[in-house]
Amino acid sequence: MYDGQKFKNLVHYVCSKCDDPRELGATKLNKILWYSELEAFLALKKPITGARFVKQEFGPVPVAIVPVLEELRQEGALAIRDTTYFGKPKREFISLRDPEIDEFSAQEISIVDRVTQVICTQHTASSISEHTHNDIWKMAEIGEDIPLYTVFAVKGEITEQDIAWADSTIRELKDAV
C-alpha cells in the first residue's frame, strides 16, 4: 500500500544524502528511488513506500515524483535548480533542512544509503539508465506501470518458495486494500 508521506520523506532524504548537488539529477533520483524500493521488496519482502513506477524514456519513474518535489520546494525543504550538463538540461536538488526519517527502519535506511552511494558516486545518469533498460522495461509501453514484482521475471528460476511468498504477498496486498 502506498504511503505518500513516507515517499515524500524518502525523496527528501535521498536529496539530503548527496553533499554535492551536481551528483544528483532527476534521472539519478528516480533510479535511487526505483532500486531502493526494489531492494527493499526483495530483502524485506515489502517496499519502503509502495510508490507506483511507470516506464519513461530513461527508465522507471515514480508517478508521484513531480508533485512531491514541488511540495518539498514549496515547504522550503528543497531548492530545485535547473542547469545544463554537457549541453543537456539537468535538474539539481539541494536539501535546505534535515529530512524526517523517524518512520524508516534501520534496514530501509541502510538500503537507501547503499543505493544512493553507488548511484551517485559510481554512475552517470546515462550509465544508470542503461541498467534499468532491462527486459522488464523493454516489455512495457511508455506510461505503463512497472510493478516491483516484475523483478522475478529477470531473477532467474522461480522456486516453490518464491511462488509461496508471491501468493502470500498478493493475499496481504488484497487484504490491505
Protein backbone atom coordinates (compact mmCIF):
# COMPACT_ATOMS: atom_id res chain seq x y z
CA MET A 1 0.00 0.00 0.00
CA TYR A 2 1.34 3.42 -1.00
CA ASP A 3 2.39 5.77 1.80
CA GLY A 4 2.55 9.26 0.29
CA GLN A 5 4.09 10.97 3.33
CA LYS A 6 6.77 8.32 3.62
CA PHE A 7 7.51 8.68 -0.11
CA LYS A 8 7.88 12.44 0.30
CA ASN A 9 10.23 11.91 3.23
CA LEU A 10 12.19 9.35 1.20
CA VAL A 11 12.63 11.80 -1.68
CA HIS A 12 13.82 14.48 0.74
CA TYR A 13 16.17 12.02 2.45
CA VAL A 14 17.76 10.95 -0.84
CA CYS A 15 18.25 14.59 -1.85
CA SER A 16 19.92 15.27 1.50
CA LYS A 17 22.38 12.38 1.09
CA CYS A 18 24.30 13.91 -1.82
CA ASP A 19 26.62 16.56 -0.46
CA ASP A 20 27.35 17.81 -3.97
CA PRO A 21 24.08 18.61 -5.77
CA ARG A 22 25.85 18.10 -9.09
CA GLU A 23 25.92 14.36 -8.30
CA LEU A 24 22.13 14.03 -8.16
CA GLY A 25 19.92 14.97 -11.06
CA ALA A 26 16.36 13.87 -11.79
CA THR A 27 17.43 10.70 -13.60
CA LYS A 28 19.63 9.51 -10.73
CA LEU A 29 16.97 10.44 -8.16
CA ASN A 30 14.39 8.31 -9.99
CA LYS A 31 16.84 5.39 -10.20
CA ILE A 32 17.70 5.61 -6.50
CA LEU A 33 14.00 5.51 -5.63
CA TRP A 34 13.40 2.57 -8.01
CA TYR A 35 16.33 0.50 -6.81
CA SER A 36 15.67 1.30 -3.15
CA GLU A 37 12.07 0.11 -3.43
CA LEU A 38 13.18 -2.94 -5.41
CA GLU A 39 15.94 -3.87 -2.95
CA ALA A 40 13.56 -3.50 -0.01
CA PHE A 41 10.95 -5.61 -1.81
CA LEU A 42 13.50 -8.39 -2.30
CA ALA A 43 15.28 -8.16 1.06
CA LEU A 44 12.46 -7.16 3.40
CA LYS A 45 9.55 -8.69 1.46
CA LYS A 46 7.87 -5.28 1.22
CA PRO A 47 8.66 -1.98 -0.47
CA ILE A 48 9.68 1.08 1.52
CA THR A 49 6.81 3.33 0.41
CA GLY A 50 4.80 1.32 -2.12
CA ALA A 51 5.27 4.05 -4.76
CA ARG A 52 3.95 3.29 -8.25
CA PHE A 53 6.51 3.38 -11.06
CA VAL A 54 5.84 3.77 -14.77
CA LYS A 55 8.01 3.33 -17.83
CA GLN A 56 9.51 6.53 -19.18
CA GLU A 57 12.23 7.13 -21.75
CA PHE A 58 15.10 6.92 -19.27
CA GLY A 59 13.71 4.11 -17.10
CA PRO A 60 11.14 3.61 -14.32
CA VAL A 61 9.83 6.85 -12.79
CA PRO A 62 7.66 7.18 -9.68
CA VAL A 63 4.26 8.58 -10.62
CA ALA A 64 4.23 10.97 -7.64
CA ILE A 65 7.73 12.44 -8.12
CA VAL A 66 6.83 15.76 -9.76
CA PRO A 67 4.12 16.81 -7.27
CA VAL A 68 6.25 15.62 -4.33
CA LEU A 69 9.28 17.62 -5.47
CA GLU A 70 7.09 20.69 -5.90
CA GLU A 71 5.58 20.19 -2.45
CA LEU A 72 9.06 19.90 -0.89
CA ARG A 73 10.12 23.06 -2.74
CA GLN A 74 7.06 25.00 -1.59
CA GLU A 75 7.62 23.86 2.01
CA GLY A 76 11.20 25.16 1.90
CA ALA A 77 12.70 21.70 2.31
CA LEU A 78 14.36 21.64 -1.13
CA ALA A 79 15.79 24.06 -3.60
CA ILE A 80 15.49 22.90 -7.19
CA ARG A 81 17.95 24.28 -9.70
CA ASP A 82 17.68 23.87 -13.46
CA THR A 83 21.07 23.84 -15.14
CA THR A 84 22.84 22.20 -18.06
CA TYR A 85 25.32 19.34 -18.11
CA PHE A 86 27.29 18.83 -21.32
CA GLY A 87 24.67 20.87 -23.14
CA LYS A 88 21.71 18.86 -21.83
CA PRO A 89 19.14 20.12 -19.32
CA LYS A 90 19.66 18.90 -15.78
CA ARG A 91 17.71 19.40 -12.58
CA GLU A 92 19.62 19.50 -9.28
CA PHE A 93 18.23 19.20 -5.76
CA ILE A 94 19.58 20.91 -2.65
CA SER A 95 18.21 19.92 0.73
CA LEU A 96 17.62 23.03 2.85
CA ARG A 97 16.86 21.25 6.12
CA ASP A 98 17.17 17.84 7.70
CA PRO A 99 14.65 15.31 6.41
CA GLU A 100 12.22 13.47 8.67
CA ILE A 101 13.35 9.85 8.88
CA ASP A 102 11.70 8.53 12.07
CA GLU A 103 9.29 6.31 10.14
CA PHE A 104 12.08 4.41 8.33
CA SER A 105 13.57 1.24 9.76
CA ALA A 106 17.33 0.89 10.09
CA GLN A 107 17.19 -1.71 7.30
CA GLU A 108 15.36 0.69 4.98
CA ILE A 109 17.86 3.49 5.66
CA SER A 110 20.73 1.08 5.06
CA ILE A 111 19.28 0.08 1.69
CA VAL A 112 18.69 3.68 0.63
CA ASP A 113 22.16 4.78 1.78
CA ARG A 114 23.85 1.96 -0.14
CA VAL A 115 21.84 2.52 -3.32
CA THR A 116 22.37 6.30 -3.14
CA GLN A 117 26.11 5.94 -2.63
CA VAL A 118 26.54 3.56 -5.56
CA ILE A 119 24.39 5.54 -7.99
CA CYS A 120 25.73 8.99 -7.04
CA THR A 121 29.41 8.06 -7.00
CA GLN A 122 29.76 5.21 -9.49
CA HIS A 123 27.33 6.13 -12.25
CA THR A 124 26.40 8.84 -14.66
CA ALA A 125 22.74 9.42 -15.49
CA SER A 126 23.32 7.57 -18.77
CA SER A 127 25.07 4.57 -17.24
CA ILE A 128 22.43 4.02 -14.56
CA SER A 129 19.65 4.45 -17.13
CA GLU A 130 21.19 1.64 -19.18
CA HIS A 131 20.89 -0.67 -16.16
CA THR A 132 17.15 -0.04 -15.92
CA HIS A 133 16.61 -0.71 -19.61
CA ASN A 134 16.27 -4.43 -18.98
CA ASP A 135 13.76 -6.94 -20.36
CA ILE A 136 11.04 -5.78 -17.99
CA TRP A 137 11.41 -2.14 -19.06
CA LYS A 138 11.51 -3.18 -22.74
CA MET A 139 8.23 -5.12 -22.43
CA ALA A 140 6.30 -2.14 -21.03
CA GLU A 141 4.90 0.75 -23.04
CA ILE A 142 5.76 4.36 -22.16
CA GLY A 143 3.50 5.35 -19.24
CA GLU A 144 2.67 1.74 -18.32
CA ASP A 145 3.09 0.56 -14.72
CA ILE A 146 6.19 -1.46 -13.86
CA PRO A 147 5.28 -3.33 -10.65
CA LEU A 148 8.11 -4.32 -8.33
CA TYR A 149 7.19 -8.00 -8.58
CA THR A 150 8.30 -8.00 -12.22
CA VAL A 151 11.84 -8.31 -10.84
CA PHE A 152 11.17 -12.03 -10.68
CA ALA A 153 10.97 -12.15 -14.48
CA VAL A 154 14.73 -11.47 -14.64
CA LYS A 155 15.71 -13.04 -11.34
CA GLY A 156 16.21 -16.50 -12.77
CA GLU A 157 14.45 -19.74 -11.99
CA ILE A 158 11.38 -19.34 -9.84
CA THR A 159 11.24 -21.76 -6.93
CA GLU A 160 8.28 -23.14 -5.00
CA GLN A 161 9.36 -20.85 -2.15
CA ASP A 162 9.16 -17.83 -4.50
CA ILE A 163 5.64 -18.82 -5.56
CA ALA A 164 4.51 -19.30 -1.95
CA TRP A 165 5.94 -15.90 -0.99
CA ALA A 166 4.28 -14.22 -4.01
CA ASP A 167 0.92 -15.82 -3.19
CA SER A 168 1.21 -14.69 0.43
CA THR A 169 2.17 -11.15 -0.59
CA ILE A 170 -0.73 -10.91 -3.04
CA ARG A 171 -3.17 -12.01 -0.30
CA GLU A 172 -1.71 -9.42 2.10
CA LEU A 173 -1.99 -6.66 -0.50
CA LYS A 174 -5.59 -7.60 -1.30
CA ASP A 175 -6.46 -7.59 2.41
CA ALA A 176 -4.84 -4.16 2.86
CA VAL A 177 -6.97 -2.61 0.11
